[in-house]
Amino acid sequence: MIRIKEKIKILSNKYKLVFNNFVVEKKKNILKKKYLIFYGINEYYFEFSDDVYVSSSYFPYFDSSKDTDLENWISSIQITLLKKSRLLKSIKDGKSSRDIFKKKFKI
């Protein structure tokens, strides 16, 4: 578990994400251990078993050019956060769009 957190800390510094937003949970099954990593308020997740950092289940998935699935996942979070910040407008900039929408649909 300590090794996982160290790896996440290194990657979060590399991709400029907040390390304190990562939560690592350990789930025990009868036969094997499963780790779940969440970023944010359960918004992004990564699931792997036996400390291998290879996963078939994680969200978001955009980047596949890195060495491990964990690094792909963390870089995908960075890409997602950058895209979210580009899509949002300030209140002043969005006022004209909202007014047009209200007139068009008579709200």
C-alpha atoms as a PDB file:
ATOM      1  CA  MET A   1       0.000   0.000   0.000  1.00  0.00           C
ATOM      2  CA  ILE A   2       2.878   2.365   0.783  1.00  0.00           C
ATOM      3  CA  ARG A   3       4.460   1.630  -2.586  1.00  0.00           C
ATOM      4  CA  ILE A   4       1.185   2.435  -4.342  1.00  0.00           C
ATOM      5  CA  LYS A   5       0.886   5.791  -2.585  1.00  0.00           C
ATOM      6  CA  GLU A   6       4.501   6.663  -3.426  1.00  0.00           C
ATOM      7  CA  LYS A   7       3.891   5.859  -7.089  1.00  0.00           C
ATOM      8  CA  ILE A   8       0.719   7.965  -7.094  1.00  0.00           C
ATOM      9  CA  LYS A   9       2.543  10.841  -5.417  1.00  0.00           C
ATOM     10  CA  ILE A  10       5.283  10.812  -8.070  1.00  0.00           C
ATOM     11  CA  LEU A  11       2.760  10.663 -10.917  1.00  0.00           C
ATOM     12  CA  SER A  12       0.514  13.339  -9.394  1.00  0.00           C
ATOM     13  CA  ASN A  13       3.481  15.711  -9.200  1.00  0.00           C
ATOM     14  CA  LYS A  14       4.422  14.856 -12.786  1.00  0.00           C
ATOM     15  CA  TYR A  15       0.919  15.571 -14.108  1.00  0.00           C
ATOM     16  CA  LYS A  16       0.196  18.463 -11.721  1.00  0.00           C
ATOM     17  CA  LEU A  17      -2.721  16.847  -9.870  1.00  0.00           C
ATOM     18  CA  VAL A  18      -3.543  17.240  -6.177  1.00  0.00           C
ATOM     19  CA  PHE A  19      -2.172  14.210  -4.313  1.00  0.00           C
ATOM     20  CA  ASN A  20      -4.618  14.630  -1.418  1.00  0.00           C
ATOM     21  CA  ASN A  21      -7.545  14.014  -3.800  1.00  0.00           C
ATOM     22  CA  PHE A  22      -6.408  10.399  -4.346  1.00  0.00           C
ATOM     23  CA  VAL A  23      -7.969   7.726  -2.115  1.00  0.00           C
ATOM     24  CA  VAL A  24      -6.687   4.140  -2.120  1.00  0.00           C
ATOM     25  CA  GLU A  25      -8.989   1.391  -0.866  1.00  0.00           C
ATOM     26  CA  LYS A  26      -8.059  -2.231  -0.382  1.00  0.00           C
ATOM     27  CA  LYS A  27     -10.787  -4.839  -0.933  1.00  0.00           C
ATOM     28  CA  LYS A  28     -10.172  -8.434   0.071  1.00  0.00           C
ATOM     29  CA  ASN A  29     -11.843 -11.246  -1.763  1.00  0.00           C
ATOM     30  CA  ILE A  30     -11.591 -14.897  -0.801  1.00  0.00           C
ATOM     31  CA  LEU A  31      -8.856 -15.598  -3.328  1.00  0.00           C
ATOM     32  CA  LYS A  32      -7.195 -12.284  -4.113  1.00  0.00           C
ATOM     33  CA  LYS A  33      -6.794  -8.676  -3.071  1.00  0.00           C
ATOM     34  CA  LYS A  34      -8.218  -5.884  -5.136  1.00  0.00           C
ATOM     35  CA  TYR A  35      -7.209  -2.229  -4.937  1.00  0.00           C
ATOM     36  CA  LEU A  36      -9.414   0.689  -5.895  1.00  0.00           C
ATOM     37  CA  ILE A  37      -8.034   4.173  -6.396  1.00  0.00           C
ATOM     38  CA  PHE A  38     -10.378   7.139  -6.585  1.00  0.00           C
ATOM     39  CA  TYR A  39      -9.589  10.693  -7.609  1.00  0.00           C
ATOM     40  CA  GLY A  40     -11.893  13.489  -6.529  1.00  0.00           C
ATOM     41  CA  ILE A  41     -15.204  12.631  -4.952  1.00  0.00           C
ATOM     42  CA  ASN A  42     -15.474   9.147  -6.473  1.00  0.00           C
ATOM     43  CA  GLU A  43     -15.438  10.781  -9.875  1.00  0.00           C
ATOM     44  CA  TYR A  44     -12.539   8.839 -11.439  1.00  0.00           C
ATOM     45  CA  TYR A  45     -11.601   5.285 -10.503  1.00  0.00           C
ATOM     46  CA  PHE A  46      -8.858   2.764 -11.168  1.00  0.00           C
ATOM     47  CA  GLU A  47      -9.075  -0.901 -10.185  1.00  0.00           C
ATOM     48  CA  PHE A  48      -6.199  -3.382 -10.088  1.00  0.00           C
ATOM     49  CA  SER A  49      -5.113  -6.494  -8.230  1.00  0.00           C
ATOM     50  CA  ASP A  50      -1.898  -7.789  -6.724  1.00  0.00           C
ATOM     51  CA  ASP A  51       0.116  -4.575  -7.008  1.00  0.00           C
ATOM     52  CA  VAL A  52       0.733  -4.878 -10.758  1.00  0.00           C
ATOM     53  CA  TYR A  53      -0.837  -1.552 -11.876  1.00  0.00           C
ATOM     54  CA  VAL A  54      -2.507  -3.279 -14.828  1.00  0.00           C
ATOM     55  CA  SER A  55      -6.223  -2.804 -14.995  1.00  0.00           C
ATOM     56  CA  SER A  56      -9.111  -3.682 -17.216  1.00  0.00           C
ATOM     57  CA  SER A  57     -11.427  -1.319 -15.395  1.00  0.00           C
ATOM     58  CA  TYR A  58     -10.718   2.376 -15.092  1.00  0.00           C
ATOM     59  CA  PHE A  59     -12.240   5.700 -16.016  1.00  0.00           C
ATOM     60  CA  PRO A  60     -11.344   7.995 -17.790  1.00  0.00           C
ATOM     61  CA  TYR A  61      -9.373   6.372 -20.583  1.00  0.00           C
ATOM     62  CA  PHE A  62      -7.968   8.690 -23.232  1.00  0.00           C
ATOM     63  CA  ASP A  63      -4.217   8.335 -23.212  1.00  0.00           C
ATOM     64  CA  SER A  64      -2.582   4.986 -23.987  1.00  0.00           C
ATOM     65  CA  SER A  65       0.943   6.115 -24.729  1.00  0.00           C
ATOM     66  CA  LYS A  66       2.475   5.679 -21.268  1.00  0.00           C
ATOM     67  CA  ASP A  67       4.291   2.694 -19.730  1.00  0.00           C
ATOM     68  CA  THR A  68       1.639   1.526 -17.278  1.00  0.00           C
ATOM     69  CA  ASP A  69      -2.138   1.643 -17.038  1.00  0.00           C
ATOM     70  CA  LEU A  70      -1.822   3.662 -13.837  1.00  0.00           C
ATOM     71  CA  GLU A  71       0.145   6.365 -15.611  1.00  0.00           C
ATOM     72  CA  ASN A  72      -2.303   6.290 -18.532  1.00  0.00           C
ATOM     73  CA  TRP A  73      -5.158   6.807 -16.066  1.00  0.00           C
ATOM     74  CA  ILE A  74      -3.501   9.716 -14.264  1.00  0.00           C
ATOM     75  CA  SER A  75      -2.573  11.450 -17.518  1.00  0.00           C
ATOM     76  CA  SER A  76      -6.168  10.907 -18.715  1.00  0.00           C
ATOM     77  CA  ILE A  77      -7.435  12.673 -15.588  1.00  0.00           C
ATOM     78  CA  GLN A  78      -5.189  15.616 -16.403  1.00  0.00           C
ATOM     79  CA  ILE A  79      -6.490  15.696 -19.999  1.00  0.00           C
ATOM     80  CA  THR A  80     -10.100  15.537 -18.754  1.00  0.00           C
ATOM     81  CA  LEU A  81      -9.584  18.362 -16.265  1.00  0.00           C
ATOM     82  CA  LEU A  82      -7.963  20.528 -18.951  1.00  0.00           C
ATOM     83  CA  LYS A  83     -10.870  19.907 -21.323  1.00  0.00           C
ATOM     84  CA  LYS A  84     -13.394  20.725 -18.583  1.00  0.00           C
ATOM     85  CA  SER A  85     -11.719  24.036 -17.880  1.00  0.00           C
ATOM     86  CA  ARG A  86     -11.774  24.975 -21.563  1.00  0.00           C
ATOM     87  CA  LEU A  87     -15.481  24.253 -21.953  1.00  0.00           C
ATOM     88  CA  LEU A  88     -16.658  26.512 -19.165  1.00  0.00           C
ATOM     89  CA  LYS A  89     -17.354  30.188 -19.737  1.00  0.00           C
ATOM     90  CA  SER A  90     -17.455  32.973 -17.240  1.00  0.00           C
ATOM     91  CA  ILE A  91     -20.860  34.274 -16.159  1.00  0.00           C
ATOM     92  CA  LYS A  92     -20.492  37.434 -18.244  1.00  0.00           C
ATOM     93  CA  ASP A  93     -19.458  35.496 -21.372  1.00  0.00           C
ATOM     94  CA  GLY A  94     -22.272  32.982 -21.021  1.00  0.00           C
ATOM     95  CA  LYS A  95     -25.059  35.546 -20.487  1.00  0.00           C
ATOM     96  CA  SER A  96     -25.685  36.151 -24.179  1.00  0.00           C
ATOM     97  CA  SER A  97     -25.818  32.398 -24.862  1.00  0.00           C
ATOM     98  CA  ARG A  98     -28.293  31.900 -22.023  1.00  0.00           C
ATOM     99  CA  ASP A  99     -30.488  34.758 -23.278  1.00  0.00           C
ATOM    100  CA  ILE A 100     -30.580  33.302 -26.792  1.00  0.00           C
ATOM    101  CA  PHE A 101     -31.479  29.884 -25.342  1.00  0.00           C
ATOM    102  CA  LYS A 102     -34.291  31.416 -23.249  1.00  0.00           C
ATOM    103  CA  LYS A 103     -35.774  33.242 -26.241  1.00  0.00           C
ATOM    104  CA  LYS A 104     -35.534  30.213 -28.513  1.00  0.00           C
ATOM    105  CA  PHE A 105     -37.272  27.807 -26.129  1.00  0.00           C
ATOM    106  CA  LYS A 106     -39.462  30.430 -24.381  1.00  0.00           C
ATOM    107  CA  ILE A 107     -38.238  29.673 -20.878  1.00  0.00           C
END
